[in-house]
N, C-alpha and C. Protein backbone atom coordinates (compact mmCIF):
# COMPACT_ATOMS: atom_id res chain seq x y z
N MET A 1 -39.04 -26.73 -4.99
CA MET A 1 -38.02 -26.48 -4.74
C MET A 1 -37.02 -25.62 -6.11
N SER A 2 -37.11 -27.48 -6.96
CA SER A 2 -36.32 -27.10 -8.38
C SER A 2 -37.13 -26.68 -9.06
N GLY A 3 -38.40 -26.13 -9.27
CA GLY A 3 -39.28 -25.49 -9.92
C GLY A 3 -38.71 -23.79 -9.29
N LEU A 4 -37.89 -23.29 -8.60
CA LEU A 4 -37.92 -21.71 -7.92
C LEU A 4 -36.87 -21.75 -8.57
N ILE A 5 -35.86 -23.20 -8.96
CA ILE A 5 -34.03 -22.82 -9.00
C ILE A 5 -34.63 -22.62 -10.59
N LEU A 6 -35.35 -23.42 -11.75
CA LEU A 6 -35.24 -22.79 -12.96
C LEU A 6 -35.85 -22.13 -13.49
N ARG A 7 -37.02 -21.05 -12.53
CA ARG A 7 -37.65 -19.66 -12.66
C ARG A 7 -36.47 -18.83 -12.83
N GLY A 8 -35.67 -19.21 -11.80
CA GLY A 8 -34.58 -17.93 -11.57
C GLY A 8 -34.04 -18.75 -12.51
N LEU A 9 -32.98 -19.07 -13.32
CA LEU A 9 -32.54 -18.99 -14.03
C LEU A 9 -32.08 -18.23 -14.83
N PRO A 10 -33.32 -17.92 -15.96
CA PRO A 10 -33.32 -17.10 -16.79
C PRO A 10 -32.95 -15.42 -16.63
N MET A 11 -33.42 -15.65 -15.00
CA MET A 11 -33.10 -14.13 -14.73
C MET A 11 -31.01 -13.91 -14.36
N CYS A 12 -31.14 -14.97 -14.01
CA CYS A 12 -29.70 -14.95 -13.52
C CYS A 12 -28.59 -15.22 -15.12
N LEU A 13 -29.19 -15.73 -15.82
CA LEU A 13 -28.57 -16.01 -17.29
C LEU A 13 -28.68 -14.10 -17.73
N SER A 14 -29.72 -13.83 -17.77
CA SER A 14 -29.70 -12.04 -18.37
C SER A 14 -28.71 -11.22 -18.07
N GLN A 15 -28.62 -11.77 -16.08
CA GLN A 15 -27.95 -10.65 -15.35
C GLN A 15 -26.36 -10.81 -15.45
N LEU A 16 -26.31 -12.26 -15.80
CA LEU A 16 -24.50 -12.32 -15.86
C LEU A 16 -24.79 -11.99 -17.45
N VAL A 17 -25.13 -11.97 -18.98
CA VAL A 17 -24.45 -11.10 -19.90
C VAL A 17 -24.81 -10.48 -19.51
N LYS A 18 -25.19 -8.76 -18.72
CA LYS A 18 -25.49 -7.77 -19.24
C LYS A 18 -24.21 -8.03 -17.87
N PHE A 19 -24.01 -8.22 -17.37
CA PHE A 19 -22.21 -8.21 -16.51
C PHE A 19 -21.55 -7.94 -17.75
N ALA A 20 -21.56 -9.68 -18.33
CA ALA A 20 -20.06 -9.64 -18.88
C ALA A 20 -19.87 -8.41 -20.72
N LEU A 21 -21.89 -8.00 -20.83
CA LEU A 21 -21.18 -7.07 -22.05
C LEU A 21 -20.96 -5.83 -21.26
N VAL A 22 -21.27 -5.52 -20.58
CA VAL A 22 -20.91 -4.05 -19.16
C VAL A 22 -19.17 -4.51 -18.97
N VAL A 23 -18.30 -5.41 -18.63
CA VAL A 23 -17.31 -5.36 -18.50
C VAL A 23 -16.56 -5.55 -19.66
N ALA A 24 -17.50 -6.24 -21.08
CA ALA A 24 -16.09 -6.39 -22.22
C ALA A 24 -16.76 -4.38 -22.91
N THR A 25 -16.85 -3.53 -22.43
CA THR A 25 -17.05 -2.64 -23.02
C THR A 25 -16.75 -1.49 -21.82
N VAL A 26 -16.90 -2.03 -20.83
CA VAL A 26 -16.08 -0.66 -19.59
C VAL A 26 -14.56 -0.83 -19.52
N GLY A 27 -13.57 -2.15 -20.02
CA GLY A 27 -12.59 -2.21 -19.45
C GLY A 27 -11.96 -1.89 -21.22
N PRO A 28 -12.38 -2.69 -21.99
CA PRO A 28 -11.08 -1.96 -22.60
C PRO A 28 -11.73 -0.42 -23.53
N LEU A 29 -12.73 -0.07 -23.10
CA LEU A 29 -12.29 1.84 -23.34
C LEU A 29 -11.32 2.02 -21.95
N CYS A 30 -11.55 2.54 -21.41
CA CYS A 30 -10.45 2.12 -20.25
C CYS A 30 -8.90 1.85 -20.55
N PHE A 31 -9.09 0.75 -21.26
CA PHE A 31 -7.40 0.33 -21.50
C PHE A 31 -7.21 1.35 -22.53
N PHE A 32 -7.83 1.29 -23.93
CA PHE A 32 -7.51 2.52 -25.02
C PHE A 32 -6.92 3.49 -24.47
N ILE A 33 -7.80 4.28 -23.09
CA ILE A 33 -7.69 5.55 -22.67
C ILE A 33 -6.38 6.11 -22.33
N GLY A 34 -5.89 4.15 -21.22
CA GLY A 34 -4.59 4.52 -20.72
C GLY A 34 -3.56 4.78 -21.52
N GLN A 35 -4.08 4.09 -22.65
CA GLN A 35 -2.88 3.70 -24.35
C GLN A 35 -2.65 4.51 -24.68
N MET A 36 -3.82 5.73 -24.38
CA MET A 36 -3.47 7.28 -25.09
C MET A 36 -3.31 8.53 -24.29
N LEU A 37 -2.88 8.04 -22.94
CA LEU A 37 -2.23 9.18 -21.93
C LEU A 37 -1.20 8.98 -22.46
N PRO A 38 -0.61 10.31 -22.69
CA PRO A 38 0.93 10.87 -22.26
C PRO A 38 2.29 10.56 -21.29
N ARG A 39 2.61 9.73 -21.34
CA ARG A 39 3.25 9.02 -20.42
C ARG A 39 4.15 10.26 -19.49
N LYS A 40 4.61 11.46 -20.60
CA LYS A 40 5.90 12.43 -19.58
C LYS A 40 4.48 12.77 -18.42
N ASN A 41 3.62 12.35 -18.52
CA ASN A 41 2.84 13.63 -16.86
C ASN A 41 2.40 12.80 -16.00
N PHE A 42 2.98 12.11 -16.06
CA PHE A 42 3.01 10.18 -14.83
C PHE A 42 4.66 10.08 -14.11
N ARG A 43 4.17 11.03 -13.04
CA ARG A 43 5.53 10.62 -11.98
C ARG A 43 5.35 9.87 -10.70
N TYR A 44 6.12 8.93 -10.88
CA TYR A 44 6.15 7.71 -9.95
C TYR A 44 6.23 8.34 -8.28
N ASP A 45 7.26 9.33 -7.63
CA ASP A 45 7.36 10.34 -6.78
C ASP A 45 6.33 11.35 -6.08
N VAL A 46 4.59 10.96 -6.98
CA VAL A 46 4.07 12.13 -6.11
C VAL A 46 3.09 11.51 -6.15
N PHE A 47 1.83 12.39 -5.56
CA PHE A 47 0.70 11.37 -5.06
C PHE A 47 0.33 11.41 -5.89
N PRO A 48 -0.97 10.31 -6.54
CA PRO A 48 -1.17 9.41 -5.79
C PRO A 48 -0.13 7.88 -5.79
N PHE A 49 0.88 8.03 -6.58
CA PHE A 49 1.70 7.18 -7.24
C PHE A 49 2.80 6.92 -6.20
N LYS A 50 2.87 7.54 -5.56
CA LYS A 50 4.94 7.89 -4.51
C LYS A 50 3.96 6.30 -3.44
N CYS A 51 5.22 5.69 -3.47
CA CYS A 51 5.20 4.45 -2.65
C CYS A 51 5.27 5.26 -1.02
N TYR A 52 4.23 4.99 -0.24
CA TYR A 52 4.12 5.26 1.33
C TYR A 52 4.77 4.48 2.44
N LYS A 53 5.16 5.47 3.53
CA LYS A 53 5.65 4.53 4.52
C LYS A 53 5.46 3.06 4.96
N TRP A 54 3.84 3.33 5.43
CA TRP A 54 3.06 2.10 5.21
C TRP A 54 2.70 0.76 4.36
N GLU A 55 3.32 1.08 3.29
CA GLU A 55 3.67 0.13 2.29
C GLU A 55 4.66 -0.47 2.92
N ARG A 56 5.67 0.50 3.37
CA ARG A 56 7.08 -0.37 3.63
C ARG A 56 7.75 -1.24 2.57
N GLY A 57 7.90 -0.07 1.25
CA GLY A 57 8.55 -0.80 0.22
C GLY A 57 7.88 -1.63 -0.09
N GLY A 58 7.00 -1.93 -0.12
CA GLY A 58 5.83 -3.25 -0.87
C GLY A 58 5.87 -4.36 0.07
N GLU A 59 6.64 -4.01 1.51
CA GLU A 59 6.76 -5.49 2.24
C GLU A 59 5.01 -5.71 2.34
N VAL A 60 3.92 -4.86 3.00
CA VAL A 60 2.82 -4.85 3.38
C VAL A 60 2.31 -5.81 2.28
N TYR A 61 2.37 -5.84 0.80
CA TYR A 61 2.04 -6.71 0.23
C TYR A 61 2.61 -7.92 0.03
N THR A 62 3.41 -8.43 0.55
CA THR A 62 4.24 -9.76 0.76
C THR A 62 3.18 -10.33 2.31
N LYS A 63 3.08 -10.09 2.42
CA LYS A 63 1.99 -10.34 3.64
C LYS A 63 0.90 -11.21 2.73
N LEU A 64 0.52 -10.33 2.01
CA LEU A 64 -0.44 -10.91 1.03
C LEU A 64 -0.27 -12.14 0.13
N ARG A 65 0.88 -12.40 -0.18
CA ARG A 65 1.30 -13.36 -0.66
C ARG A 65 1.53 -12.85 -1.32
N ILE A 66 1.54 -11.85 -2.28
CA ILE A 66 1.64 -11.53 -3.43
C ILE A 66 2.50 -11.63 -4.73
N GLN A 67 3.85 -12.43 -3.97
CA GLN A 67 4.78 -12.56 -5.24
C GLN A 67 4.11 -14.28 -5.71
N TYR A 68 3.71 -14.67 -4.98
CA TYR A 68 3.06 -16.00 -5.15
C TYR A 68 2.00 -16.61 -6.29
N TRP A 69 1.08 -15.32 -6.60
CA TRP A 69 -0.04 -15.15 -7.55
C TRP A 69 0.02 -13.82 -8.10
N LYS A 70 0.75 -12.87 -8.47
CA LYS A 70 0.82 -12.01 -9.32
C LYS A 70 1.68 -11.43 -10.68
N ASP A 71 2.09 -12.90 -10.52
CA ASP A 71 2.09 -13.59 -12.13
C ASP A 71 0.92 -14.37 -13.04
N ARG A 72 0.22 -14.59 -12.45
CA ARG A 72 -0.75 -15.91 -12.72
C ARG A 72 -2.01 -15.07 -13.33
N VAL A 73 -2.13 -13.36 -12.77
CA VAL A 73 -3.23 -12.88 -13.01
C VAL A 73 -3.10 -12.40 -14.74
N PRO A 74 -3.92 -11.81 -15.54
CA PRO A 74 -3.90 -12.08 -16.61
C PRO A 74 -3.02 -10.40 -16.72
N ASP A 75 -2.10 -10.35 -17.97
CA ASP A 75 -1.04 -9.09 -18.03
C ASP A 75 -1.29 -8.99 -19.60
N MET A 76 -2.04 -7.31 -19.96
CA MET A 76 -2.36 -7.49 -21.62
C MET A 76 -1.06 -7.21 -21.95
N SER A 77 -0.51 -7.25 -21.74
CA SER A 77 0.82 -6.41 -22.78
C SER A 77 1.30 -8.23 -23.03
N GLN A 78 0.74 -9.37 -22.86
CA GLN A 78 0.93 -10.71 -23.20
C GLN A 78 0.31 -10.64 -24.37
N TYR A 79 -0.62 -9.94 -24.63
CA TYR A 79 -1.77 -10.33 -25.48
C TYR A 79 -2.06 -9.36 -26.66
N ILE A 80 -1.52 -7.64 -26.42
CA ILE A 80 -1.75 -6.68 -26.67
C ILE A 80 0.25 -6.58 -27.57
N LYS A 81 0.48 -6.72 -28.36
CA LYS A 81 1.88 -7.15 -29.02
C LYS A 81 2.54 -5.54 -28.55
N SER A 82 1.57 -4.78 -28.95
CA SER A 82 2.14 -2.90 -29.11
C SER A 82 2.23 -2.40 -28.04
N MET A 83 1.93 -3.34 -26.95
CA MET A 83 1.78 -2.36 -25.13
C MET A 83 3.70 -2.80 -24.73
N TYR A 84 3.74 -1.95 -24.31
CA TYR A 84 5.24 -1.96 -23.20
C TYR A 84 5.17 -3.10 -23.29
N ALA A 85 5.90 -4.17 -22.91
CA ALA A 85 6.17 -5.20 -22.29
C ALA A 85 6.56 -5.25 -21.01
N LYS A 86 5.78 -5.51 -20.43
CA LYS A 86 6.36 -5.80 -18.70
C LYS A 86 7.26 -6.30 -18.18
N ARG A 87 7.68 -7.28 -18.80
CA ARG A 87 8.23 -8.57 -18.31
C ARG A 87 9.75 -8.27 -18.38
N ILE A 88 11.15 -8.70 -17.23
CA ILE A 88 11.62 -8.39 -17.31
C ILE A 88 12.79 -9.58 -17.52
N THR A 89 13.08 -9.73 -18.51
CA THR A 89 13.26 -11.80 -19.18
C THR A 89 14.96 -11.50 -18.76
N VAL A 90 15.50 -10.08 -19.28
CA VAL A 90 17.09 -10.03 -18.34
C VAL A 90 17.43 -8.79 -18.47
N PHE A 91 18.75 -8.74 -18.02
CA PHE A 91 19.39 -7.24 -17.87
C PHE A 91 19.36 -6.16 -18.40
N LYS A 92 18.03 -5.09 -17.89
CA LYS A 92 17.29 -4.27 -18.75
C LYS A 92 18.32 -2.95 -18.05
N ASP A 93 18.27 -1.89 -18.84
CA ASP A 93 18.97 -0.68 -19.02
C ASP A 93 17.68 0.04 -18.50
N VAL A 94 18.71 1.45 -17.99
CA VAL A 94 17.80 2.59 -16.04
C VAL A 94 16.65 2.81 -17.01
N LYS A 95 16.92 3.32 -18.50
CA LYS A 95 15.96 4.22 -19.09
C LYS A 95 13.84 2.75 -19.50
N PHE A 96 15.17 1.62 -20.04
CA PHE A 96 14.22 1.32 -20.09
C PHE A 96 12.76 0.61 -18.30
N LEU A 97 14.35 0.62 -17.52
CA LEU A 97 13.39 0.52 -16.33
C LEU A 97 12.34 1.24 -15.57
N LYS A 98 12.79 2.47 -15.54
CA LYS A 98 12.18 3.59 -15.47
C LYS A 98 10.97 3.74 -16.53
N GLN A 99 10.77 3.67 -17.58
CA GLN A 99 9.55 3.47 -18.44
C GLN A 99 8.73 2.48 -17.95
N LEU A 100 9.03 1.27 -17.58
CA LEU A 100 8.54 0.68 -16.65
C LEU A 100 7.83 0.61 -15.35
N VAL A 101 8.36 1.45 -14.97
CA VAL A 101 7.99 2.75 -13.48
C VAL A 101 6.60 3.30 -14.10
N VAL A 102 6.58 3.77 -15.16
CA VAL A 102 5.36 5.07 -15.06
C VAL A 102 4.21 4.05 -15.92
N GLU A 103 4.79 2.98 -16.77
CA GLU A 103 3.33 1.75 -17.08
C GLU A 103 3.08 1.63 -15.59
N THR A 104 3.37 1.18 -14.86
CA THR A 104 2.72 1.12 -13.54
C THR A 104 2.45 1.77 -12.76
N CYS A 105 2.56 3.21 -13.20
CA CYS A 105 0.97 4.54 -12.56
C CYS A 105 0.36 4.56 -13.71
N ILE A 106 0.22 4.41 -14.85
CA ILE A 106 -0.90 4.41 -15.49
C ILE A 106 -1.52 2.92 -15.78
N ALA A 107 -0.94 1.87 -15.32
CA ALA A 107 -1.62 0.68 -15.22
C ALA A 107 -2.74 1.04 -14.00
N GLU A 108 -1.83 1.35 -12.81
CA GLU A 108 -2.69 1.36 -12.01
C GLU A 108 -4.24 2.44 -12.05
N LEU A 109 -3.15 3.38 -12.44
CA LEU A 109 -4.72 4.89 -12.84
C LEU A 109 -5.85 4.44 -13.16
N ILE A 110 -5.65 3.08 -14.60
CA ILE A 110 -7.28 2.76 -15.74
C ILE A 110 -7.53 2.21 -14.22
N HIS A 111 -6.90 1.16 -14.04
CA HIS A 111 -7.27 -0.02 -12.45
C HIS A 111 -8.48 0.85 -11.03
N VAL A 112 -8.10 1.81 -11.15
CA VAL A 112 -8.75 2.74 -10.11
C VAL A 112 -10.10 3.40 -10.84
N ALA A 113 -9.20 4.22 -11.81
CA ALA A 113 -10.36 4.41 -13.06
C ALA A 113 -11.88 3.33 -12.87
N LEU A 114 -11.90 2.36 -13.00
CA LEU A 114 -12.06 1.30 -12.98
C LEU A 114 -13.58 0.80 -11.89
N ILE A 115 -12.21 0.97 -10.64
CA ILE A 115 -13.20 0.53 -9.58
C ILE A 115 -14.56 2.33 -9.53
N PHE A 116 -13.89 2.96 -9.98
CA PHE A 116 -14.72 4.22 -9.13
C PHE A 116 -16.23 4.36 -10.47
N VAL A 117 -15.60 3.81 -12.27
CA VAL A 117 -17.04 3.82 -12.90
C VAL A 117 -17.69 1.96 -12.35
N SER A 118 -17.42 1.51 -11.74
CA SER A 118 -18.10 0.68 -11.56
C SER A 118 -19.49 0.52 -10.78
N PRO A 119 -20.03 1.80 -10.49
CA PRO A 119 -21.18 1.47 -10.24
C PRO A 119 -22.50 2.08 -11.55
N ILE A 120 -21.49 1.82 -12.58
CA ILE A 120 -22.05 1.84 -13.91
C ILE A 120 -23.03 0.21 -13.53
N PHE A 121 -22.80 -0.98 -12.84
CA PHE A 121 -23.79 -1.90 -12.97
C PHE A 121 -24.67 -1.41 -12.10
N LEU A 122 -24.88 -0.71 -11.02
CA LEU A 122 -26.20 -0.49 -11.37
C LEU A 122 -27.65 0.30 -12.10
N LEU A 123 -27.13 0.76 -12.90
CA LEU A 123 -27.11 1.22 -14.11
C LEU A 123 -28.23 -0.11 -14.62
N PHE A 124 -27.27 -0.76 -14.89
CA PHE A 124 -28.01 -2.17 -16.17
C PHE A 124 -28.25 -3.43 -15.48
N MET A 125 -27.93 -3.68 -14.27
CA MET A 125 -28.03 -4.51 -13.54
C MET A 125 -29.31 -4.32 -12.82
N ASP A 126 -30.39 -5.55 -12.46
CA ASP A 126 -31.40 -5.62 -11.35
C ASP A 126 -30.78 -5.55 -10.06
N GLY A 127 -31.52 -4.47 -8.87
CA GLY A 127 -31.22 -4.00 -8.00
C GLY A 127 -29.79 -5.55 -7.24
N ALA A 128 -30.36 -5.97 -6.56
CA ALA A 128 -29.27 -7.24 -5.85
C ALA A 128 -28.06 -7.22 -7.26
N TRP A 129 -28.55 -7.72 -7.55
CA TRP A 129 -27.38 -8.08 -8.95
C TRP A 129 -26.08 -7.32 -9.86
N GLY A 130 -26.88 -5.73 -9.76
CA GLY A 130 -26.00 -4.80 -9.69
C GLY A 130 -25.04 -4.37 -8.47
N VAL A 131 -25.34 -4.61 -7.17
CA VAL A 131 -24.72 -4.45 -6.17
C VAL A 131 -23.42 -5.19 -6.73
N GLY A 132 -24.24 -6.51 -6.32
CA GLY A 132 -23.20 -7.89 -6.77
C GLY A 132 -22.07 -7.54 -7.71
N GLY A 133 -22.76 -7.44 -9.19
CA GLY A 133 -21.39 -7.02 -10.48
C GLY A 133 -20.77 -5.43 -9.94
N MET A 134 -21.02 -4.89 -9.15
CA MET A 134 -20.13 -3.90 -8.99
C MET A 134 -19.40 -4.20 -8.00
N ILE A 135 -19.44 -5.31 -7.02
CA ILE A 135 -18.49 -5.77 -6.19
C ILE A 135 -18.00 -6.43 -6.52
N CYS A 136 -17.91 -7.21 -7.26
CA CYS A 136 -17.32 -7.70 -8.45
C CYS A 136 -16.25 -7.68 -8.58
N TYR A 137 -16.57 -5.82 -9.40
CA TYR A 137 -15.85 -5.21 -10.65
C TYR A 137 -15.00 -5.13 -9.50
N ILE A 138 -15.35 -4.41 -8.51
CA ILE A 138 -14.13 -3.60 -7.33
C ILE A 138 -13.32 -4.18 -6.37
N LEU A 139 -13.94 -5.79 -6.31
CA LEU A 139 -12.89 -6.69 -6.13
C LEU A 139 -11.76 -7.44 -6.99
N GLY A 140 -12.55 -7.36 -8.76
CA GLY A 140 -11.86 -7.75 -9.34
C GLY A 140 -10.51 -6.50 -9.81
N ASN A 141 -10.61 -5.94 -9.34
CA ASN A 141 -9.44 -4.73 -9.90
C ASN A 141 -8.87 -4.10 -8.88
N LEU A 142 -9.20 -4.79 -7.79
CA LEU A 142 -7.69 -4.89 -6.65
C LEU A 142 -6.26 -5.50 -6.18
N PRO A 143 -6.14 -6.39 -6.91
CA PRO A 143 -5.63 -7.15 -6.64
C PRO A 143 -4.51 -5.92 -7.79
N PHE A 144 -4.78 -5.64 -9.37
CA PHE A 144 -4.06 -5.41 -10.19
C PHE A 144 -3.80 -3.90 -9.60
N ILE A 145 -4.57 -3.10 -8.87
CA ILE A 145 -3.72 -1.92 -8.17
C ILE A 145 -3.18 -2.69 -7.24
N MET A 146 -2.93 -3.51 -6.46
CA MET A 146 -1.61 -3.63 -5.83
C MET A 146 -0.46 -4.60 -6.20
N ILE A 147 -0.43 -5.10 -7.47
CA ILE A 147 0.32 -5.81 -7.75
C ILE A 147 1.44 -4.30 -8.55
N GLN A 148 0.64 -3.56 -8.73
CA GLN A 148 1.65 -2.20 -9.19
C GLN A 148 2.26 -1.79 -8.16
N ARG A 149 1.18 -2.03 -7.26
CA ARG A 149 1.80 -0.83 -6.22
C ARG A 149 3.12 -1.67 -5.37
N TYR A 150 2.93 -3.33 -5.53
CA TYR A 150 3.93 -4.07 -5.13
C TYR A 150 5.54 -3.68 -6.25
N ASN A 151 5.04 -3.65 -7.18
CA ASN A 151 6.58 -3.82 -8.13
C ASN A 151 6.90 -2.85 -7.92
N ARG A 152 6.61 -1.79 -8.48
CA ARG A 152 6.98 -0.12 -8.54
C ARG A 152 8.54 0.20 -7.00
N PRO A 153 7.90 0.04 -6.27
CA PRO A 153 8.83 0.21 -5.11
C PRO A 153 10.90 -0.70 -5.40
N ARG A 154 9.95 -1.67 -6.10
CA ARG A 154 10.95 -3.13 -6.20
C ARG A 154 11.77 -2.37 -7.45
N LEU A 155 10.76 -1.61 -8.73
CA LEU A 155 11.25 -1.25 -9.49
C LEU A 155 12.39 -0.16 -9.35
N LEU A 156 11.53 0.61 -7.94
CA LEU A 156 12.79 1.82 -8.08
C LEU A 156 14.03 1.39 -7.26
N MET A 157 14.13 0.46 -6.72
CA MET A 157 15.30 -0.56 -6.08
C MET A 157 16.00 -0.72 -7.33
N LEU A 158 16.09 -1.76 -8.16
CA LEU A 158 16.59 -1.88 -9.01
C LEU A 158 17.34 -0.79 -10.26
N ILE A 159 16.55 0.06 -9.93
CA ILE A 159 16.97 1.59 -11.14
C ILE A 159 18.11 1.89 -10.13
N GLU A 160 18.38 2.31 -9.11
CA GLU A 160 19.35 3.01 -7.92
C GLU A 160 20.39 2.18 -8.13
N ARG A 161 19.54 0.40 -7.90
CA ARG A 161 21.11 -0.27 -7.89
C ARG A 161 21.97 -0.72 -9.35
N GLN A 162 21.10 0.24 -10.72
CA GLN A 162 21.74 0.12 -11.89
C GLN A 162 22.91 1.77 -11.84
N GLU A 163 21.94 1.98 -11.13
CA GLU A 163 22.43 3.08 -11.87
C GLU A 163 23.83 3.41 -11.22
N MET A 164 24.24 2.38 -9.83
CA MET A 164 25.01 2.80 -8.69
C MET A 164 25.71 2.34 -9.43
N LEU A 165 26.07 1.21 -10.44
CA LEU A 165 27.06 0.04 -10.56
C LEU A 165 27.51 0.96 -11.96
N ALA A 166 26.77 1.01 -12.80
CA ALA A 166 27.10 2.56 -13.77
C ALA A 166 27.88 3.29 -13.76
N LYS A 167 27.38 3.92 -12.19
CA LYS A 167 28.36 4.96 -11.70
C LYS A 167 29.89 4.55 -11.52
N LYS A 168 29.68 2.91 -11.38
CA LYS A 168 31.44 2.80 -10.31
C LYS A 168 32.48 1.96 -11.71
N ARG A 169 31.21 1.96 -12.94
CA ARG A 169 31.75 1.32 -13.79
C ARG A 169 32.80 1.94 -14.69
N ALA A 170 31.97 4.10 -14.53
CA ALA A 170 32.71 5.01 -14.64
C ALA A 170 33.25 5.22 -14.28
N GLU A 171 33.52 5.20 -13.04
CA GLU A 171 34.83 5.78 -11.69
C GLU A 171 36.22 5.04 -12.18
N ARG A 172 35.73 3.71 -12.32
CA ARG A 172 36.69 2.51 -12.77
C ARG A 172 37.33 2.85 -14.04
N ALA A 173 36.49 3.25 -15.04
CA ALA A 173 36.63 3.55 -16.33
C ALA A 173 38.16 4.60 -16.11
N ALA A 174 37.28 5.51 -15.40
CA ALA A 174 38.28 6.84 -15.45
C ALA A 174 39.71 6.81 -14.82
N LYS A 175 39.63 5.59 -13.63
CA LYS A 175 40.61 5.33 -13.28
C LYS A 175 41.72 4.16 -14.24
N GLN A 176 41.22 3.56 -14.55
CA GLN A 176 42.21 3.35 -15.78
C GLN A 176 42.86 4.14 -17.04
N LYS A 177 42.04 4.97 -17.35
CA LYS A 177 41.97 5.90 -18.11
C LYS A 177 43.40 6.55 -17.44
N GLU A 178 43.09 6.88 -16.52
CA GLU A 178 44.03 8.09 -15.53
C GLU A 178 45.68 7.22 -15.18
N GLY A 179 44.93 6.23 -15.12
CA GLY A 179 46.66 5.14 -15.05
C GLY A 179 47.08 5.11 -16.41
N ALA A 180 46.65 4.99 -16.89
CA ALA A 180 47.25 4.67 -18.04
C ALA A 180 48.19 6.22 -18.86
N THR A 181 47.32 7.16 -18.45
CA THR A 181 47.76 8.57 -19.17
C THR A 181 49.16 9.05 -18.55
N ASN A 182 48.95 8.18 -17.35
CA ASN A 182 50.66 9.20 -15.86
C ASN A 182 51.85 8.05 -16.31
N GLU A 183 51.12 6.80 -17.44
CA GLU A 183 52.96 5.55 -17.84
C GLU A 183 53.03 6.36 -18.71
């Protein structure tokens, strides 16, 4: 029995190395393509990025307890400072939030693209190892897509609130100005 395990070890290691090489090549390549995409072409309110009724404003992802684990997965903007920062640490303006919504579209697109190129593992890895590598890669990218689809409607609600507050402030300022002019 132990002889069988030892004979299989080099094959296992070679497949793991192949998996790591494919991931280390495909992931960064798609990332850099995503960074080069013109942001003006992305609209969050149309297919495929719009929020669908079945998602119920992100509630469907809450059932998966996404709010508890979404901040524990890697975020490239934490490691590459030239990226658009994804964290909202202070009360941000509407322009920042709208750009952040666009960034969620790009991140979603890149992770979907990574899923579509996952059959590449079948080319570089042997038999069942290739299938396993492809499945792992697909399952590894799904949480990132879910995070974008969970965050987007929440950001859109925040934008709506910010715009409503700005409108109320402007109305109040106009009334104060009008009241000062009448005196």
